[in-house]
Amino acid sequence: MKENVLDVLMYLFDSYVDTEEDPEPDQNELRMELSWAGFGDNEIDRALVWLDGLTEHQDSLNYSNLSAHGTRIYNDFEHQRLDPYCRGYITYLEQTGILSPPQRELLVDRLLALESEDIDVEQIKWVVLMVLFSQPGQELAYARMEDLVFEEGADLVH
């Protein structure tokens, strides 16, 4: 089974997002569950490192009103990894108030940490949900993003 880190993360997200159980099982429990679900050790390790990177930035996020009129300039590496559609979608999420500037930075960091060949808008949507879900007080932004993900997906079904 050829899985990537995002597949592992989406499995975890789907498994824990709506549960009443302890939302933070230890890494050994996660590792056993993911292995049982058929994911390889390499993908599991990379997904757990990715999750650690998500949580280590929580304390540095500042939700105060940063310059709402600032422009994010992407460096050459980010330009290579995030095509114009991806960068435009990130800007759209920020302009609609779903993402704050610090959350945008966390999103870009976590997208690049996926190490996937191609990053697309669908991946961005799921990573945004994970970023918002991991942060206290972001329920409204999470609900708005969830609506975007599922409304846009519903349009594709005929």
N, C-alpha and C. Protein backbone atom coordinates (compact mmCIF):
# COMPACT_ATOMS: atom_id res chain seq x y z
N MET A 1 0.84 -1.18 0.00
CA MET A 1 0.00 0.00 0.00
C MET A 1 0.89 1.24 0.00
N LYS A 2 0.77 2.07 -1.02
CA LYS A 2 1.58 3.29 -1.14
C LYS A 2 0.79 4.45 -0.56
N GLU A 3 1.13 4.83 0.64
CA GLU A 3 0.47 5.94 1.32
C GLU A 3 1.48 7.06 1.50
N ASN A 4 0.97 8.28 1.66
CA ASN A 4 1.87 9.38 1.98
C ASN A 4 1.50 9.94 3.35
N VAL A 5 2.27 10.89 3.79
CA VAL A 5 2.07 11.45 5.13
C VAL A 5 0.68 12.06 5.27
N LEU A 6 0.20 12.74 4.24
CA LEU A 6 -1.12 13.35 4.33
C LEU A 6 -2.21 12.30 4.50
N ASP A 7 -2.06 11.14 3.87
CA ASP A 7 -3.03 10.06 4.06
C ASP A 7 -3.07 9.63 5.53
N VAL A 8 -1.92 9.51 6.14
CA VAL A 8 -1.84 9.12 7.55
C VAL A 8 -2.49 10.20 8.41
N LEU A 9 -2.16 11.45 8.14
CA LEU A 9 -2.72 12.56 8.91
C LEU A 9 -4.23 12.65 8.75
N MET A 10 -4.72 12.45 7.54
CA MET A 10 -6.15 12.50 7.31
C MET A 10 -6.86 11.35 8.03
N TYR A 11 -6.24 10.19 8.08
CA TYR A 11 -6.81 9.06 8.81
C TYR A 11 -6.92 9.42 10.30
N LEU A 12 -5.85 9.98 10.87
CA LEU A 12 -5.87 10.39 12.28
C LEU A 12 -6.91 11.47 12.52
N PHE A 13 -6.93 12.46 11.65
CA PHE A 13 -7.87 13.57 11.78
C PHE A 13 -9.30 13.05 11.76
N ASP A 14 -9.59 12.19 10.80
CA ASP A 14 -10.93 11.62 10.68
C ASP A 14 -11.28 10.77 11.90
N SER A 15 -10.29 10.08 12.45
CA SER A 15 -10.52 9.21 13.60
C SER A 15 -10.77 9.97 14.89
N TYR A 16 -10.17 11.14 15.03
CA TYR A 16 -10.21 11.84 16.31
C TYR A 16 -11.01 13.14 16.32
N VAL A 17 -11.41 13.66 15.17
CA VAL A 17 -12.04 14.98 15.13
C VAL A 17 -13.39 15.00 15.84
N ASP A 18 -14.18 13.97 15.74
CA ASP A 18 -15.52 13.99 16.33
C ASP A 18 -15.69 13.03 17.50
N THR A 19 -14.60 12.62 18.11
CA THR A 19 -14.72 11.67 19.21
C THR A 19 -14.80 12.41 20.53
N GLU A 20 -15.42 11.76 21.48
CA GLU A 20 -15.49 12.29 22.84
C GLU A 20 -14.31 11.79 23.67
N GLU A 21 -13.53 10.89 23.09
CA GLU A 21 -12.40 10.31 23.79
C GLU A 21 -11.28 11.33 23.95
N ASP A 22 -10.28 10.92 24.71
CA ASP A 22 -9.09 11.75 24.89
C ASP A 22 -8.51 12.08 23.52
N PRO A 23 -8.48 13.36 23.14
CA PRO A 23 -8.02 13.71 21.80
C PRO A 23 -6.51 13.57 21.60
N GLU A 24 -5.78 13.30 22.66
CA GLU A 24 -4.34 13.22 22.52
C GLU A 24 -3.78 11.90 23.05
N PRO A 25 -4.00 10.80 22.33
CA PRO A 25 -3.39 9.54 22.76
C PRO A 25 -1.87 9.65 22.62
N ASP A 26 -1.16 8.83 23.36
CA ASP A 26 0.29 8.93 23.26
C ASP A 26 0.77 8.34 21.93
N GLN A 27 2.03 8.62 21.61
CA GLN A 27 2.55 8.23 20.30
C GLN A 27 2.59 6.72 20.12
N ASN A 28 2.79 5.98 21.20
CA ASN A 28 2.79 4.52 21.07
C ASN A 28 1.42 4.01 20.66
N GLU A 29 0.36 4.58 21.26
CA GLU A 29 -1.00 4.19 20.88
C GLU A 29 -1.26 4.54 19.42
N LEU A 30 -0.87 5.75 19.02
CA LEU A 30 -1.07 6.16 17.64
C LEU A 30 -0.30 5.25 16.68
N ARG A 31 0.92 4.97 17.04
CA ARG A 31 1.77 4.12 16.19
C ARG A 31 1.13 2.74 16.00
N MET A 32 0.62 2.16 17.09
CA MET A 32 -0.03 0.84 17.01
C MET A 32 -1.30 0.91 16.16
N GLU A 33 -2.11 1.94 16.39
CA GLU A 33 -3.35 2.09 15.62
C GLU A 33 -3.08 2.25 14.14
N LEU A 34 -2.09 3.09 13.81
CA LEU A 34 -1.76 3.34 12.41
C LEU A 34 -1.17 2.10 11.74
N SER A 35 -0.36 1.39 12.47
CA SER A 35 0.21 0.16 11.95
C SER A 35 -0.89 -0.86 11.70
N TRP A 36 -1.81 -0.98 12.63
CA TRP A 36 -2.94 -1.88 12.48
C TRP A 36 -3.80 -1.49 11.27
N ALA A 37 -3.89 -0.18 11.00
CA ALA A 37 -4.68 0.31 9.86
C ALA A 37 -3.97 0.10 8.53
N GLY A 38 -2.71 -0.35 8.58
CA GLY A 38 -2.01 -0.70 7.35
C GLY A 38 -0.99 0.31 6.86
N PHE A 39 -0.71 1.33 7.64
CA PHE A 39 0.29 2.32 7.24
C PHE A 39 1.69 1.81 7.56
N GLY A 40 2.65 2.18 6.73
CA GLY A 40 4.03 1.77 6.91
C GLY A 40 4.73 2.58 7.99
N ASP A 41 5.78 1.99 8.55
CA ASP A 41 6.53 2.64 9.63
C ASP A 41 7.10 3.99 9.22
N ASN A 42 7.60 4.11 8.00
CA ASN A 42 8.18 5.37 7.53
C ASN A 42 7.14 6.48 7.50
N GLU A 43 5.96 6.18 6.96
CA GLU A 43 4.90 7.19 6.89
C GLU A 43 4.40 7.55 8.29
N ILE A 44 4.30 6.55 9.15
CA ILE A 44 3.87 6.81 10.53
C ILE A 44 4.86 7.73 11.22
N ASP A 45 6.15 7.43 11.10
CA ASP A 45 7.18 8.27 11.73
C ASP A 45 7.10 9.71 11.21
N ARG A 46 6.98 9.85 9.90
CA ARG A 46 6.93 11.19 9.31
C ARG A 46 5.67 11.94 9.74
N ALA A 47 4.54 11.24 9.84
CA ALA A 47 3.30 11.88 10.28
C ALA A 47 3.40 12.34 11.73
N LEU A 48 4.01 11.55 12.58
CA LEU A 48 4.16 11.93 13.99
C LEU A 48 5.11 13.12 14.14
N VAL A 49 6.15 13.16 13.34
CA VAL A 49 7.04 14.32 13.34
C VAL A 49 6.28 15.56 12.86
N TRP A 50 5.44 15.39 11.83
CA TRP A 50 4.63 16.49 11.31
C TRP A 50 3.71 17.03 12.39
N LEU A 51 3.07 16.13 13.14
CA LEU A 51 2.18 16.55 14.23
C LEU A 51 2.94 17.27 15.32
N ASP A 52 4.15 16.80 15.64
CA ASP A 52 4.99 17.50 16.63
C ASP A 52 5.28 18.91 16.16
N GLY A 53 5.56 19.08 14.87
CA GLY A 53 5.81 20.41 14.31
C GLY A 53 4.59 21.31 14.40
N LEU A 54 3.42 20.73 14.28
CA LEU A 54 2.18 21.50 14.39
C LEU A 54 2.00 22.03 15.81
N THR A 55 2.24 21.19 16.79
CA THR A 55 2.01 21.59 18.17
C THR A 55 3.12 22.46 18.74
N GLU A 56 4.33 22.35 18.23
CA GLU A 56 5.42 23.15 18.80
C GLU A 56 5.30 24.63 18.46
N HIS A 57 4.51 24.98 17.45
CA HIS A 57 4.33 26.38 17.07
C HIS A 57 3.16 27.06 17.77
N GLN A 58 2.39 26.32 18.55
CA GLN A 58 1.18 26.87 19.15
C GLN A 58 1.46 28.07 20.06
N ASP A 59 2.50 28.00 20.87
CA ASP A 59 2.78 29.08 21.81
C ASP A 59 3.22 30.36 21.12
N SER A 60 3.79 30.24 19.93
CA SER A 60 4.30 31.43 19.25
C SER A 60 3.24 32.15 18.43
N LEU A 61 2.05 31.56 18.29
CA LEU A 61 1.01 32.22 17.51
C LEU A 61 0.42 33.39 18.28
N ASN A 62 0.28 34.49 17.59
CA ASN A 62 -0.28 35.69 18.19
C ASN A 62 -1.54 36.03 17.40
N TYR A 63 -2.69 36.02 18.09
CA TYR A 63 -3.95 36.27 17.39
C TYR A 63 -4.34 37.74 17.39
N SER A 64 -3.45 38.60 17.84
CA SER A 64 -3.78 40.02 17.82
C SER A 64 -3.85 40.50 16.38
N ASN A 65 -4.31 41.70 16.23
CA ASN A 65 -4.52 42.26 14.90
C ASN A 65 -3.19 42.67 14.28
N LEU A 66 -2.59 41.76 13.54
CA LEU A 66 -1.38 42.10 12.80
C LEU A 66 -1.80 42.90 11.57
N SER A 67 -0.85 43.38 10.87
CA SER A 67 -1.16 44.18 9.69
C SER A 67 -2.04 43.41 8.72
N ALA A 68 -3.29 43.78 8.69
CA ALA A 68 -4.23 43.12 7.78
C ALA A 68 -4.00 43.54 6.34
N HIS A 69 -3.21 44.57 6.15
CA HIS A 69 -2.97 45.09 4.81
C HIS A 69 -1.60 44.68 4.29
N GLY A 70 -0.89 43.84 5.04
CA GLY A 70 0.43 43.40 4.61
C GLY A 70 0.31 42.39 3.47
N THR A 71 1.40 42.21 2.77
CA THR A 71 1.45 41.25 1.67
C THR A 71 2.49 40.21 1.99
N ARG A 72 2.12 38.95 1.83
CA ARG A 72 3.04 37.84 2.06
C ARG A 72 3.89 37.65 0.82
N ILE A 73 5.19 37.74 0.97
CA ILE A 73 6.11 37.50 -0.14
C ILE A 73 6.68 36.10 0.04
N TYR A 74 6.47 35.25 -0.93
CA TYR A 74 6.96 33.87 -0.86
C TYR A 74 8.38 33.81 -1.40
N ASN A 75 9.23 33.04 -0.73
CA ASN A 75 10.61 32.89 -1.20
C ASN A 75 10.67 31.91 -2.37
N ASP A 76 11.83 31.73 -2.96
CA ASP A 76 11.97 30.89 -4.15
C ASP A 76 11.54 29.45 -3.89
N PHE A 77 11.93 28.90 -2.76
CA PHE A 77 11.56 27.52 -2.44
C PHE A 77 10.04 27.39 -2.31
N GLU A 78 9.41 28.34 -1.64
CA GLU A 78 7.96 28.32 -1.50
C GLU A 78 7.27 28.46 -2.85
N HIS A 79 7.83 29.29 -3.73
CA HIS A 79 7.29 29.44 -5.08
C HIS A 79 7.35 28.12 -5.84
N GLN A 80 8.43 27.39 -5.67
CA GLN A 80 8.57 26.10 -6.35
C GLN A 80 7.55 25.10 -5.83
N ARG A 81 7.30 25.12 -4.54
CA ARG A 81 6.42 24.12 -3.91
C ARG A 81 4.94 24.48 -3.97
N LEU A 82 4.64 25.79 -3.93
CA LEU A 82 3.25 26.25 -3.92
C LEU A 82 2.98 27.01 -5.22
N ASP A 83 2.20 26.41 -6.10
CA ASP A 83 1.93 27.05 -7.38
C ASP A 83 1.01 28.26 -7.17
N PRO A 84 0.77 29.04 -8.24
CA PRO A 84 -0.07 30.24 -8.09
C PRO A 84 -1.47 29.96 -7.53
N TYR A 85 -2.05 28.81 -7.88
CA TYR A 85 -3.38 28.47 -7.36
C TYR A 85 -3.33 28.26 -5.85
N CYS A 86 -2.28 27.60 -5.39
CA CYS A 86 -2.12 27.36 -3.95
C CYS A 86 -1.91 28.68 -3.22
N ARG A 87 -1.02 29.50 -3.72
CA ARG A 87 -0.76 30.79 -3.06
C ARG A 87 -2.01 31.65 -3.08
N GLY A 88 -2.74 31.63 -4.18
CA GLY A 88 -3.98 32.40 -4.28
C GLY A 88 -5.03 31.90 -3.29
N TYR A 89 -5.13 30.59 -3.11
CA TYR A 89 -6.11 30.04 -2.18
C TYR A 89 -5.75 30.41 -0.74
N ILE A 90 -4.48 30.38 -0.43
CA ILE A 90 -4.03 30.78 0.91
C ILE A 90 -4.38 32.25 1.15
N THR A 91 -4.14 33.09 0.16
CA THR A 91 -4.49 34.52 0.27
C THR A 91 -6.00 34.68 0.45
N TYR A 92 -6.77 33.92 -0.31
CA TYR A 92 -8.23 33.97 -0.18
C TYR A 92 -8.67 33.61 1.24
N LEU A 93 -8.09 32.56 1.81
CA LEU A 93 -8.46 32.15 3.17
C LEU A 93 -8.11 33.23 4.19
N GLU A 94 -7.02 33.91 3.96
CA GLU A 94 -6.63 34.99 4.86
C GLU A 94 -7.55 36.20 4.68
N GLN A 95 -7.87 36.54 3.47
CA GLN A 95 -8.73 37.69 3.21
C GLN A 95 -10.15 37.49 3.71
N THR A 96 -10.62 36.25 3.74
CA THR A 96 -11.97 35.97 4.24
C THR A 96 -12.00 35.81 5.75
N GLY A 97 -10.84 35.90 6.39
CA GLY A 97 -10.79 35.83 7.85
C GLY A 97 -10.73 34.42 8.41
N ILE A 98 -10.59 33.43 7.57
CA ILE A 98 -10.46 32.06 8.08
C ILE A 98 -9.09 31.85 8.69
N LEU A 99 -8.07 32.42 8.08
CA LEU A 99 -6.70 32.33 8.60
C LEU A 99 -6.20 33.70 9.02
N SER A 100 -5.51 33.73 10.13
CA SER A 100 -4.79 34.94 10.53
C SER A 100 -3.39 34.87 9.91
N PRO A 101 -2.65 35.98 9.88
CA PRO A 101 -1.28 35.90 9.36
C PRO A 101 -0.41 34.85 10.07
N PRO A 102 -0.44 34.73 11.40
CA PRO A 102 0.36 33.66 12.02
C PRO A 102 -0.10 32.26 11.62
N GLN A 103 -1.40 32.08 11.47
CA GLN A 103 -1.91 30.78 11.04
C GLN A 103 -1.48 30.49 9.60
N ARG A 104 -1.45 31.51 8.78
CA ARG A 104 -0.98 31.34 7.40
C ARG A 104 0.46 30.84 7.40
N GLU A 105 1.27 31.42 8.27
CA GLU A 105 2.67 31.00 8.34
C GLU A 105 2.79 29.55 8.81
N LEU A 106 1.96 29.18 9.79
CA LEU A 106 1.95 27.80 10.26
C LEU A 106 1.48 26.87 9.14
N LEU A 107 0.48 27.29 8.39
CA LEU A 107 -0.01 26.51 7.26
C LEU A 107 1.10 26.29 6.24
N VAL A 108 1.77 27.34 5.84
CA VAL A 108 2.85 27.22 4.85
C VAL A 108 3.93 26.29 5.38
N ASP A 109 4.30 26.44 6.63
CA ASP A 109 5.31 25.58 7.24
C ASP A 109 4.89 24.12 7.19
N ARG A 110 3.64 23.85 7.56
CA ARG A 110 3.16 22.46 7.60
C ARG A 110 2.96 21.89 6.20
N LEU A 111 2.58 22.73 5.23
CA LEU A 111 2.47 22.24 3.85
C LEU A 111 3.83 21.82 3.32
N LEU A 112 4.83 22.64 3.56
CA LEU A 112 6.18 22.31 3.09
C LEU A 112 6.73 21.08 3.81
N ALA A 113 6.33 20.89 5.06
CA ALA A 113 6.79 19.74 5.84
C ALA A 113 6.17 18.43 5.36
N LEU A 114 5.12 18.49 4.54
CA LEU A 114 4.52 17.26 4.00
C LEU A 114 5.49 16.54 3.07
N GLU A 115 6.40 17.29 2.47
CA GLU A 115 7.39 16.75 1.55
C GLU A 115 6.76 15.99 0.39
N SER A 116 5.55 16.38 0.01
CA SER A 116 4.92 15.70 -1.13
C SER A 116 5.40 16.33 -2.43
N GLU A 117 5.35 15.52 -3.48
CA GLU A 117 5.81 15.98 -4.79
C GLU A 117 5.07 17.24 -5.24
N ASP A 118 3.74 17.15 -5.20
CA ASP A 118 2.91 18.26 -5.63
C ASP A 118 1.96 18.64 -4.51
N ILE A 119 1.91 19.91 -4.20
CA ILE A 119 0.95 20.41 -3.22
C ILE A 119 -0.17 21.04 -4.02
N ASP A 120 -1.41 20.65 -3.68
CA ASP A 120 -2.54 21.21 -4.40
C ASP A 120 -3.55 21.81 -3.41
N VAL A 121 -4.57 22.43 -3.96
CA VAL A 121 -5.56 23.12 -3.14
C VAL A 121 -6.30 22.14 -2.22
N GLU A 122 -6.55 20.93 -2.68
CA GLU A 122 -7.23 19.94 -1.83
C GLU A 122 -6.39 19.63 -0.58
N GLN A 123 -5.10 19.50 -0.76
CA GLN A 123 -4.22 19.27 0.39
C GLN A 123 -4.24 20.47 1.34
N ILE A 124 -4.25 21.66 0.76
CA ILE A 124 -4.30 22.87 1.58
C ILE A 124 -5.55 22.87 2.45
N LYS A 125 -6.69 22.52 1.86
CA LYS A 125 -7.94 22.51 2.62
C LYS A 125 -7.85 21.62 3.85
N TRP A 126 -7.31 20.42 3.67
CA TRP A 126 -7.23 19.49 4.79
C TRP A 126 -6.21 19.93 5.83
N VAL A 127 -5.10 20.49 5.39
CA VAL A 127 -4.11 20.97 6.35
C VAL A 127 -4.64 22.17 7.11
N VAL A 128 -5.40 23.05 6.45
CA VAL A 128 -6.03 24.18 7.15
C VAL A 128 -6.96 23.64 8.24
N LEU A 129 -7.76 22.64 7.92
CA LEU A 129 -8.64 22.07 8.95
C LEU A 129 -7.83 21.55 10.13
N MET A 130 -6.72 20.89 9.86
CA MET A 130 -5.89 20.36 10.94
C MET A 130 -5.27 21.48 11.77
N VAL A 131 -4.81 22.52 11.09
CA VAL A 131 -4.22 23.66 11.80
C VAL A 131 -5.27 24.31 12.70
N LEU A 132 -6.44 24.58 12.17
CA LEU A 132 -7.49 25.24 12.95
C LEU A 132 -8.00 24.35 14.08
N PHE A 133 -8.14 23.06 13.82
CA PHE A 133 -8.61 22.13 14.84
C PHE A 133 -7.65 22.06 16.01
N SER A 134 -6.37 22.22 15.73
CA SER A 134 -5.35 22.08 16.78
C SER A 134 -5.26 23.31 17.69
N GLN A 135 -5.97 24.38 17.34
CA GLN A 135 -5.84 25.63 18.09
C GLN A 135 -7.11 25.95 18.85
N PRO A 136 -6.96 26.21 20.14
CA PRO A 136 -8.15 26.58 20.93
C PRO A 136 -8.72 27.92 20.46
N GLY A 137 -10.03 28.03 20.54
CA GLY A 137 -10.69 29.29 20.21
C GLY A 137 -10.90 29.52 18.72
N GLN A 138 -10.65 28.52 17.90
CA GLN A 138 -10.77 28.70 16.45
C GLN A 138 -11.97 27.94 15.88
N GLU A 139 -12.96 27.70 16.72
CA GLU A 139 -14.11 26.91 16.31
C GLU A 139 -14.87 27.54 15.14
N LEU A 140 -15.05 28.85 15.16
CA LEU A 140 -15.77 29.52 14.08
C LEU A 140 -15.01 29.43 12.77
N ALA A 141 -13.72 29.70 12.80
CA ALA A 141 -12.90 29.60 11.59
C ALA A 141 -12.90 28.17 11.08
N TYR A 142 -12.83 27.20 12.01
CA TYR A 142 -12.86 25.79 11.62
C TYR A 142 -14.18 25.45 10.93
N ALA A 143 -15.29 25.90 11.50
CA ALA A 143 -16.60 25.62 10.92
C ALA A 143 -16.73 26.25 9.54
N ARG A 144 -16.22 27.47 9.38
CA ARG A 144 -16.27 28.13 8.07
C ARG A 144 -15.44 27.36 7.04
N MET A 145 -14.27 26.89 7.46
CA MET A 145 -13.42 26.13 6.55
C MET A 145 -14.06 24.79 6.22
N GLU A 146 -14.63 24.16 7.20
CA GLU A 146 -15.31 22.89 6.98
C GLU A 146 -16.44 23.06 5.96
N ASP A 147 -17.19 24.15 6.09
CA ASP A 147 -18.25 24.44 5.11
C ASP A 147 -17.67 24.61 3.70
N LEU A 148 -16.55 25.31 3.61
CA LEU A 148 -15.90 25.49 2.30
C LEU A 148 -15.48 24.15 1.70
N VAL A 149 -14.89 23.31 2.52
CA VAL A 149 -14.40 22.02 2.03
C VAL A 149 -15.55 21.18 1.51
N PHE A 150 -16.62 21.09 2.29
CA PHE A 150 -17.70 20.19 1.92
C PHE A 150 -18.68 20.80 0.91
N GLU A 151 -18.85 22.11 0.91
CA GLU A 151 -19.70 22.75 -0.10
C GLU A 151 -19.05 22.66 -1.48
N GLU A 152 -17.76 22.94 -1.56
CA GLU A 152 -17.08 22.88 -2.85
C GLU A 152 -17.03 21.46 -3.36
N GLY A 153 -16.86 20.50 -2.46
CA GLY A 153 -16.83 19.10 -2.86
C GLY A 153 -18.19 18.63 -3.33
N ALA A 154 -19.27 19.16 -2.76
CA ALA A 154 -20.62 18.75 -3.14
C ALA A 154 -20.95 19.18 -4.56
N ASP A 155 -20.36 20.31 -5.00
CA ASP A 155 -20.60 20.79 -6.35
C ASP A 155 -20.05 19.83 -7.41
N LEU A 156 -19.05 19.02 -7.03
CA LEU A 156 -18.42 18.14 -7.99
C LEU A 156 -19.20 16.85 -8.18
N VAL A 157 -20.08 16.51 -7.27
CA VAL A 157 -20.85 15.27 -7.38
C VAL A 157 -22.05 15.51 -8.26
N HIS A 158 -22.25 14.66 -9.25
CA HIS A 158 -23.39 14.82 -10.16
C HIS A 158 -24.36 13.69 -9.98
